[in-house]
Every structure is written in C-alpha cells, then in structure tokens.
C-alpha cells in the first residue's frame, strides 16, 4: 500500500463538499488490519477537511492534499 493518500478537495455541481481520492488500492487489495485502520483514519481526516472548505463561489478553491498513512 502507498505511504501517502492523495486527495483533491473540491465540490459537486450543486456546491456540496466532494473529495476525489487519487490513489486508493485497486480492486481486491490485500490489507492488514493495521493498514485498514490507517486508511480509515486518513479518510476521516480528509472528510473533515472537505466539509470545512468554503463552498461559496467567491471563497471556494480546490485544494490538493497528501495525507501520510501510519506505518
């Protein structure tokens, strides 16, 4: 599994928070429980940051984020 998760924080066509995860493991990914927990923690952080983004046209900007996965 990659050591970083790349996420684009953006919005939907109707101005709702949206996160595009660029490098999730592909189909049938084998992951240990520790790797699953690390992925889940990073995804929760990305969700929080996504919801915290301003959605108004004047203040909105897409943001690329890289989150380190715990070893």
C-alpha atoms as a PDB file:
ATOM      1  CA  UNK A   1       0.000   0.000   0.000  1.00  0.00           C
ATOM      2  CA  UNK A   2       1.199   3.527  -0.757  1.00  0.00           C
ATOM      3  CA  UNK A   3       2.578   5.560   2.138  1.00  0.00           C
ATOM      4  CA  UNK A   4       0.504   8.611   1.144  1.00  0.00           C
ATOM      5  CA  UNK A   5      -3.069   9.183   0.104  1.00  0.00           C
ATOM      6  CA  UNK A   6      -3.609  11.924  -2.491  1.00  0.00           C
ATOM      7  CA  UNK A   7      -6.923  13.754  -2.197  1.00  0.00           C
ATOM      8  CA  UNK A   8      -8.426  16.621  -4.192  1.00  0.00           C
ATOM      9  CA  UNK A   9     -10.875  18.645  -2.060  1.00  0.00           C
ATOM     10  CA  UNK A  10     -13.484  20.066  -4.397  1.00  0.00           C
ATOM     11  CA  UNK A  11     -17.278  20.405  -4.701  1.00  0.00           C
ATOM     12  CA  UNK A  12     -20.201  18.928  -6.591  1.00  0.00           C
ATOM     13  CA  UNK A  13     -22.165  20.760  -9.293  1.00  0.00           C
ATOM     14  CA  UNK A  14     -24.666  21.830  -6.606  1.00  0.00           C
ATOM     15  CA  UNK A  15     -21.940  23.203  -4.299  1.00  0.00           C
ATOM     16  CA  UNK A  16     -21.664  20.330  -1.814  1.00  0.00           C
ATOM     17  CA  UNK A  17     -18.279  19.115  -0.484  1.00  0.00           C
ATOM     18  CA  UNK A  18     -16.575  16.421  -2.588  1.00  0.00           C
ATOM     19  CA  UNK A  19     -13.250  14.613  -2.197  1.00  0.00           C
ATOM     20  CA  UNK A  20     -11.558  12.818  -5.088  1.00  0.00           C
ATOM     21  CA  UNK A  21      -9.168  10.162  -3.777  1.00  0.00           C
ATOM     22  CA  UNK A  22      -6.467   9.651  -6.404  1.00  0.00           C
ATOM     23  CA  UNK A  23      -4.576   6.567  -5.285  1.00  0.00           C
ATOM     24  CA  UNK A  24      -6.727   4.086  -3.380  1.00  0.00           C
ATOM     25  CA  UNK A  25      -5.533   0.490  -3.670  1.00  0.00           C
ATOM     26  CA  UNK A  26      -7.060  -1.162  -6.746  1.00  0.00           C
ATOM     27  CA  UNK A  27      -9.596  -3.979  -6.829  1.00  0.00           C
ATOM     28  CA  UNK A  28      -9.013  -6.897  -4.457  1.00  0.00           C
ATOM     29  CA  UNK A  29      -6.483  -5.007  -2.342  1.00  0.00           C
ATOM     30  CA  UNK A  30      -4.943  -7.119   0.417  1.00  0.00           C
ATOM     31  CA  UNK A  31      -4.598  -5.026   3.570  1.00  0.00           C
ATOM     32  CA  UNK A  32      -3.716  -5.859   7.142  1.00  0.00           C
ATOM     33  CA  UNK A  33      -5.971  -4.634   9.955  1.00  0.00           C
ATOM     34  CA  UNK A  34      -3.329  -2.001  10.770  1.00  0.00           C
ATOM     35  CA  UNK A  35      -3.344  -0.752   7.169  1.00  0.00           C
ATOM     36  CA  UNK A  36      -7.158  -0.662   7.133  1.00  0.00           C
ATOM     37  CA  UNK A  37      -7.201   1.435  10.320  1.00  0.00           C
ATOM     38  CA  UNK A  38      -4.585   3.822   8.942  1.00  0.00           C
ATOM     39  CA  UNK A  39      -6.592   4.240   5.734  1.00  0.00           C
ATOM     40  CA  UNK A  40      -9.816   4.781   7.701  1.00  0.00           C
ATOM     41  CA  UNK A  41      -8.189   7.438   9.906  1.00  0.00           C
ATOM     42  CA  UNK A  42      -6.838   9.340   6.911  1.00  0.00           C
ATOM     43  CA  UNK A  43     -10.191   9.154   5.113  1.00  0.00           C
ATOM     44  CA  UNK A  44     -11.934  10.592   8.207  1.00  0.00           C
ATOM     45  CA  UNK A  45      -9.424  13.460   8.269  1.00  0.00           C
ATOM     46  CA  UNK A  46      -9.995  14.113   4.558  1.00  0.00           C
ATOM     47  CA  UNK A  47     -13.775  14.110   5.109  1.00  0.00           C
ATOM     48  CA  UNK A  48     -13.439  16.686   7.905  1.00  0.00           C
ATOM     49  CA  UNK A  49     -11.233  18.939   5.761  1.00  0.00           C
ATOM     50  CA  UNK A  50     -13.607  18.557   2.817  1.00  0.00           C
ATOM     51  CA  UNK A  51     -16.602  19.673   4.885  1.00  0.00           C
ATOM     52  CA  UNK A  52     -14.625  22.603   6.296  1.00  0.00           C
ATOM     53  CA  UNK A  53     -13.971  24.055   2.816  1.00  0.00           C
ATOM     54  CA  UNK A  54     -15.967  27.203   1.992  1.00  0.00           C
ATOM     55  CA  UNK A  55     -18.435  26.343  -0.774  1.00  0.00           C
ATOM     56  CA  UNK A  56     -19.410  29.833  -1.910  1.00  0.00           C
ATOM     57  CA  UNK A  57     -18.178  30.828  -5.359  1.00  0.00           C
ATOM     58  CA  UNK A  58     -16.176  33.773  -4.027  1.00  0.00           C
ATOM     59  CA  UNK A  59     -14.251  31.842  -1.378  1.00  0.00           C
ATOM     60  CA  UNK A  60     -14.045  28.355  -2.928  1.00  0.00           C
ATOM     61  CA  UNK A  61     -10.841  26.898  -4.290  1.00  0.00           C
ATOM     62  CA  UNK A  62      -9.887  23.299  -4.949  1.00  0.00           C
ATOM     63  CA  UNK A  63      -7.115  22.025  -2.737  1.00  0.00           C
ATOM     64  CA  UNK A  64      -4.772  19.090  -3.274  1.00  0.00           C
ATOM     65  CA  UNK A  65      -3.795  17.319  -0.099  1.00  0.00           C
ATOM     66  CA  UNK A  66      -1.400  14.484   0.667  1.00  0.00           C
ATOM     67  CA  UNK A  67      -2.009  12.530   3.851  1.00  0.00           C
ATOM     68  CA  UNK A  68       0.660  10.249   5.294  1.00  0.00           C
ATOM     69  CA  UNK A  69      -0.542   6.772   6.206  1.00  0.00           C
ATOM     70  CA  UNK A  70       0.709   5.466   9.548  1.00  0.00           C
ATOM     71  CA  UNK A  71       3.299   2.714   9.238  1.00  0.00           C
END
